[in-house]
N, C-alpha and C. Protein backbone atom coordinates (compact mmCIF):
# COMPACT_ATOMS: atom_id res chain seq x y z
N UNK A 1 23.98 -41.50 73.78
CA UNK A 1 23.34 -40.88 72.64
C UNK A 1 23.75 -41.61 71.37
N UNK A 2 22.86 -41.60 70.41
CA UNK A 2 23.11 -42.14 69.08
C UNK A 2 22.99 -40.97 68.11
N UNK A 3 24.00 -40.78 67.29
CA UNK A 3 24.02 -39.65 66.38
C UNK A 3 23.96 -40.11 64.94
N UNK A 4 23.06 -39.51 64.15
CA UNK A 4 23.03 -39.70 62.71
C UNK A 4 23.13 -38.30 62.13
N UNK A 5 24.37 -37.90 61.78
CA UNK A 5 24.63 -36.51 61.42
C UNK A 5 25.36 -36.40 60.09
N UNK A 6 25.33 -35.20 59.58
CA UNK A 6 25.98 -34.90 58.31
C UNK A 6 27.50 -35.07 58.39
N UNK A 7 28.09 -34.70 59.52
CA UNK A 7 29.53 -34.85 59.70
C UNK A 7 29.83 -35.29 61.14
N UNK A 8 31.03 -35.79 61.34
CA UNK A 8 31.43 -36.29 62.65
C UNK A 8 31.52 -35.14 63.65
N UNK A 9 30.99 -35.34 64.84
CA UNK A 9 31.03 -34.32 65.87
C UNK A 9 32.29 -34.43 66.72
N UNK A 10 32.46 -33.48 67.63
CA UNK A 10 33.59 -33.49 68.55
C UNK A 10 33.35 -34.56 69.61
N UNK A 11 34.37 -35.33 69.94
CA UNK A 11 34.22 -36.39 70.94
C UNK A 11 34.25 -35.85 72.37
N UNK A 12 34.57 -34.60 72.54
CA UNK A 12 34.60 -34.02 73.88
C UNK A 12 33.62 -32.85 74.00
N UNK A 13 32.57 -32.87 73.19
CA UNK A 13 31.59 -31.79 73.20
C UNK A 13 30.66 -31.82 74.38
N UNK A 14 29.89 -30.74 74.58
CA UNK A 14 29.03 -30.60 75.75
C UNK A 14 27.69 -31.33 75.68
N UNK A 15 27.33 -31.88 74.53
CA UNK A 15 26.03 -32.55 74.39
C UNK A 15 26.25 -34.06 74.33
N UNK A 16 26.20 -34.69 75.49
CA UNK A 16 26.33 -36.14 75.60
C UNK A 16 27.55 -36.65 74.83
N UNK A 17 28.65 -35.92 74.96
CA UNK A 17 29.91 -36.32 74.35
C UNK A 17 30.09 -35.90 72.92
N UNK A 18 29.22 -35.05 72.41
CA UNK A 18 29.37 -34.59 71.02
C UNK A 18 29.16 -33.08 70.94
N UNK A 19 29.15 -32.58 69.71
CA UNK A 19 29.07 -31.14 69.46
C UNK A 19 27.73 -30.55 69.89
N UNK A 20 27.76 -29.26 70.23
CA UNK A 20 26.56 -28.56 70.66
C UNK A 20 25.63 -28.25 69.49
N UNK A 21 26.19 -28.09 68.31
CA UNK A 21 25.41 -27.84 67.10
C UNK A 21 25.74 -28.94 66.11
N UNK A 22 24.72 -29.51 65.51
CA UNK A 22 24.93 -30.56 64.52
C UNK A 22 23.83 -30.48 63.47
N UNK A 23 24.07 -31.11 62.34
CA UNK A 23 23.06 -31.21 61.30
C UNK A 23 22.65 -32.67 61.23
N UNK A 24 21.44 -32.96 61.66
CA UNK A 24 20.97 -34.33 61.66
C UNK A 24 20.13 -34.65 62.87
N UNK A 25 20.20 -35.91 63.28
CA UNK A 25 19.34 -36.46 64.33
C UNK A 25 20.18 -36.99 65.48
N UNK A 26 19.77 -36.68 66.68
CA UNK A 26 20.33 -37.28 67.88
C UNK A 26 19.25 -38.05 68.61
N UNK A 27 19.50 -39.31 68.93
CA UNK A 27 18.61 -40.08 69.79
C UNK A 27 19.32 -40.16 71.12
N UNK A 28 18.78 -39.49 72.12
CA UNK A 28 19.48 -39.26 73.37
C UNK A 28 18.81 -40.01 74.51
N UNK A 29 19.61 -40.75 75.25
CA UNK A 29 19.17 -41.47 76.44
C UNK A 29 19.65 -40.65 77.63
N UNK A 30 18.77 -39.85 78.19
CA UNK A 30 19.13 -38.90 79.24
C UNK A 30 18.72 -39.44 80.60
N UNK A 31 19.69 -39.65 81.47
CA UNK A 31 19.38 -40.21 82.79
C UNK A 31 19.51 -39.19 83.92
N UNK A 32 19.95 -37.97 83.62
CA UNK A 32 20.13 -36.97 84.67
C UNK A 32 19.04 -35.91 84.58
N UNK A 33 18.45 -35.56 85.70
CA UNK A 33 17.31 -34.65 85.76
C UNK A 33 17.79 -33.20 85.96
N UNK A 34 18.24 -32.54 84.89
CA UNK A 34 18.76 -31.17 84.97
C UNK A 34 17.71 -30.18 85.44
N UNK A 35 16.47 -30.31 84.97
CA UNK A 35 15.44 -29.33 85.28
C UNK A 35 14.66 -29.64 86.55
N UNK A 36 14.99 -30.72 87.24
CA UNK A 36 14.38 -31.10 88.52
C UNK A 36 12.86 -31.28 88.42
N UNK A 37 12.39 -31.76 87.27
CA UNK A 37 10.96 -32.01 87.09
C UNK A 37 10.62 -33.49 87.26
N UNK A 38 11.59 -34.29 87.64
CA UNK A 38 11.42 -35.72 87.86
C UNK A 38 10.86 -36.42 86.61
N UNK A 39 11.38 -36.02 85.46
CA UNK A 39 10.94 -36.59 84.19
C UNK A 39 12.09 -37.33 83.49
N UNK A 40 12.90 -38.01 84.27
CA UNK A 40 14.02 -38.79 83.74
C UNK A 40 14.03 -40.13 84.44
N UNK A 41 14.60 -41.15 83.84
CA UNK A 41 15.30 -41.21 82.57
C UNK A 41 14.34 -41.04 81.39
N UNK A 42 14.84 -40.39 80.35
CA UNK A 42 14.04 -40.02 79.20
C UNK A 42 14.80 -40.35 77.92
N UNK A 43 14.10 -40.84 76.93
CA UNK A 43 14.68 -41.10 75.62
C UNK A 43 14.03 -40.12 74.65
N UNK A 44 14.87 -39.36 73.93
CA UNK A 44 14.32 -38.33 73.05
C UNK A 44 15.00 -38.33 71.69
N UNK A 45 14.25 -37.89 70.69
CA UNK A 45 14.79 -37.66 69.36
C UNK A 45 14.85 -36.15 69.15
N UNK A 46 16.04 -35.66 68.80
CA UNK A 46 16.25 -34.23 68.60
C UNK A 46 16.85 -34.01 67.22
N UNK A 47 16.20 -33.18 66.42
CA UNK A 47 16.70 -32.82 65.10
C UNK A 47 17.28 -31.42 65.19
N UNK A 48 18.42 -31.22 64.54
CA UNK A 48 19.06 -29.91 64.54
C UNK A 48 19.52 -29.58 63.14
N UNK A 49 19.40 -28.32 62.75
CA UNK A 49 19.84 -27.87 61.44
C UNK A 49 21.23 -27.24 61.48
N UNK A 50 21.90 -27.36 62.61
CA UNK A 50 23.24 -26.83 62.77
C UNK A 50 23.31 -25.43 63.33
N UNK A 51 22.16 -24.79 63.57
CA UNK A 51 22.15 -23.42 64.07
C UNK A 51 21.75 -23.32 65.54
N UNK A 52 21.19 -24.37 66.09
CA UNK A 52 20.67 -24.30 67.46
C UNK A 52 21.59 -25.03 68.44
N UNK A 53 21.79 -24.42 69.60
CA UNK A 53 22.52 -25.08 70.68
C UNK A 53 21.54 -25.90 71.50
N UNK A 54 22.00 -27.04 72.01
CA UNK A 54 21.14 -27.91 72.81
C UNK A 54 20.74 -27.20 74.09
N UNK A 55 19.47 -27.29 74.45
CA UNK A 55 18.92 -26.62 75.63
C UNK A 55 19.11 -27.48 76.88
N UNK A 56 20.30 -27.41 77.47
CA UNK A 56 20.61 -28.21 78.66
C UNK A 56 19.73 -27.84 79.84
N UNK A 57 19.44 -26.56 79.99
CA UNK A 57 18.68 -26.07 81.14
C UNK A 57 17.33 -26.77 81.26
N UNK A 58 16.71 -27.09 80.12
CA UNK A 58 15.40 -27.73 80.11
C UNK A 58 15.47 -29.18 79.64
N UNK A 59 16.63 -29.79 79.77
CA UNK A 59 16.83 -31.20 79.36
C UNK A 59 16.44 -31.44 77.90
N UNK A 60 16.53 -30.42 77.06
CA UNK A 60 16.24 -30.57 75.64
C UNK A 60 14.76 -30.62 75.30
N UNK A 61 13.88 -30.44 76.28
CA UNK A 61 12.44 -30.58 76.02
C UNK A 61 11.90 -29.52 75.07
N UNK A 62 12.57 -28.39 74.95
CA UNK A 62 12.10 -27.34 74.04
C UNK A 62 12.47 -27.65 72.60
N UNK A 63 13.28 -28.68 72.37
CA UNK A 63 13.77 -28.98 71.03
C UNK A 63 13.43 -30.38 70.55
N UNK A 64 12.83 -31.19 71.40
CA UNK A 64 12.66 -32.59 71.01
C UNK A 64 11.58 -32.78 69.97
N UNK A 65 11.82 -33.75 69.11
CA UNK A 65 10.86 -34.13 68.09
C UNK A 65 9.83 -35.09 68.69
N UNK A 66 10.32 -36.02 69.50
CA UNK A 66 9.46 -36.97 70.20
C UNK A 66 10.28 -37.58 71.33
N UNK A 67 9.60 -38.21 72.28
CA UNK A 67 10.32 -38.84 73.37
C UNK A 67 9.38 -39.61 74.29
N UNK A 68 10.02 -40.33 75.23
CA UNK A 68 9.24 -41.10 76.19
C UNK A 68 10.04 -41.34 77.46
N UNK A 69 9.34 -41.49 78.56
CA UNK A 69 9.96 -41.89 79.82
C UNK A 69 10.22 -43.39 79.76
N UNK A 70 11.42 -43.80 80.14
CA UNK A 70 11.74 -45.23 80.19
C UNK A 70 12.86 -45.44 81.18
N UNK A 71 12.65 -46.27 82.17
CA UNK A 71 13.66 -46.50 83.21
C UNK A 71 14.68 -47.52 82.71
N UNK A 72 15.79 -47.03 82.19
CA UNK A 72 16.83 -47.90 81.64
C UNK A 72 18.09 -47.92 82.49
N UNK A 73 18.14 -47.18 83.57
CA UNK A 73 19.38 -47.08 84.33
C UNK A 73 19.38 -47.96 85.58
N UNK A 74 20.59 -48.42 85.92
CA UNK A 74 20.82 -49.21 87.14
C UNK A 74 19.98 -50.48 87.22
N UNK A 75 19.84 -51.16 86.12
CA UNK A 75 19.10 -52.42 86.09
C UNK A 75 20.04 -53.59 86.41
N UNK A 76 19.54 -54.68 86.98
CA UNK A 76 20.39 -55.84 87.27
C UNK A 76 20.62 -56.71 86.04
N UNK A 77 20.23 -56.21 84.88
CA UNK A 77 20.39 -56.94 83.62
C UNK A 77 20.75 -55.92 82.54
N UNK A 78 21.33 -56.37 81.43
CA UNK A 78 21.67 -55.44 80.35
C UNK A 78 20.41 -54.83 79.73
N UNK A 79 20.48 -53.56 79.40
CA UNK A 79 19.38 -52.92 78.68
C UNK A 79 19.82 -52.70 77.24
N UNK A 80 18.89 -52.83 76.34
CA UNK A 80 19.19 -52.71 74.91
C UNK A 80 18.19 -51.76 74.26
N UNK A 81 18.62 -51.20 73.15
CA UNK A 81 17.74 -50.36 72.35
C UNK A 81 17.90 -50.74 70.89
N UNK A 82 16.81 -50.70 70.18
CA UNK A 82 16.82 -50.91 68.74
C UNK A 82 16.34 -49.62 68.10
N UNK A 83 17.17 -49.05 67.23
CA UNK A 83 16.83 -47.82 66.53
C UNK A 83 16.71 -48.15 65.06
N UNK A 84 15.53 -47.88 64.50
CA UNK A 84 15.29 -48.24 63.11
C UNK A 84 14.66 -47.05 62.38
N UNK A 85 15.18 -46.76 61.20
CA UNK A 85 14.59 -45.76 60.32
C UNK A 85 14.24 -46.47 59.03
N UNK A 86 12.94 -46.63 58.77
CA UNK A 86 12.50 -47.39 57.61
C UNK A 86 11.25 -46.73 57.03
N UNK A 87 11.24 -46.52 55.74
CA UNK A 87 10.13 -45.89 55.04
C UNK A 87 9.69 -44.60 55.70
N UNK A 88 10.68 -43.75 56.00
CA UNK A 88 10.47 -42.42 56.55
C UNK A 88 9.87 -42.43 57.96
N UNK A 89 10.05 -43.53 58.70
CA UNK A 89 9.55 -43.64 60.07
C UNK A 89 10.68 -44.06 61.00
N UNK A 90 10.85 -43.29 62.07
CA UNK A 90 11.86 -43.61 63.09
C UNK A 90 11.18 -44.38 64.22
N UNK A 91 11.75 -45.52 64.58
CA UNK A 91 11.23 -46.32 65.68
C UNK A 91 12.37 -46.61 66.65
N UNK A 92 12.13 -46.37 67.91
CA UNK A 92 13.08 -46.70 68.97
C UNK A 92 12.38 -47.67 69.91
N UNK A 93 12.93 -48.85 70.06
CA UNK A 93 12.32 -49.84 70.96
C UNK A 93 13.40 -50.50 71.78
């Protein structure tokens, strides 16, 4: 996960190694299929205002701003991501 938050989260938290509630944006690379819908690996953008707990049961799908399926796990080569926020537009490639 990549976090762009108002304050530093807990390093041992339940949401991909960080806090369950945060103020800001999380770009999450989720490779485990919690909801058994075969919709992983998934890359998602999740915005939180600090009041909502991450919805683990549904792999965060009830809270995501945007996302896409992308097979990034167990490749025989390094995988990379570029995260850019420019002129009020978030791009993940």
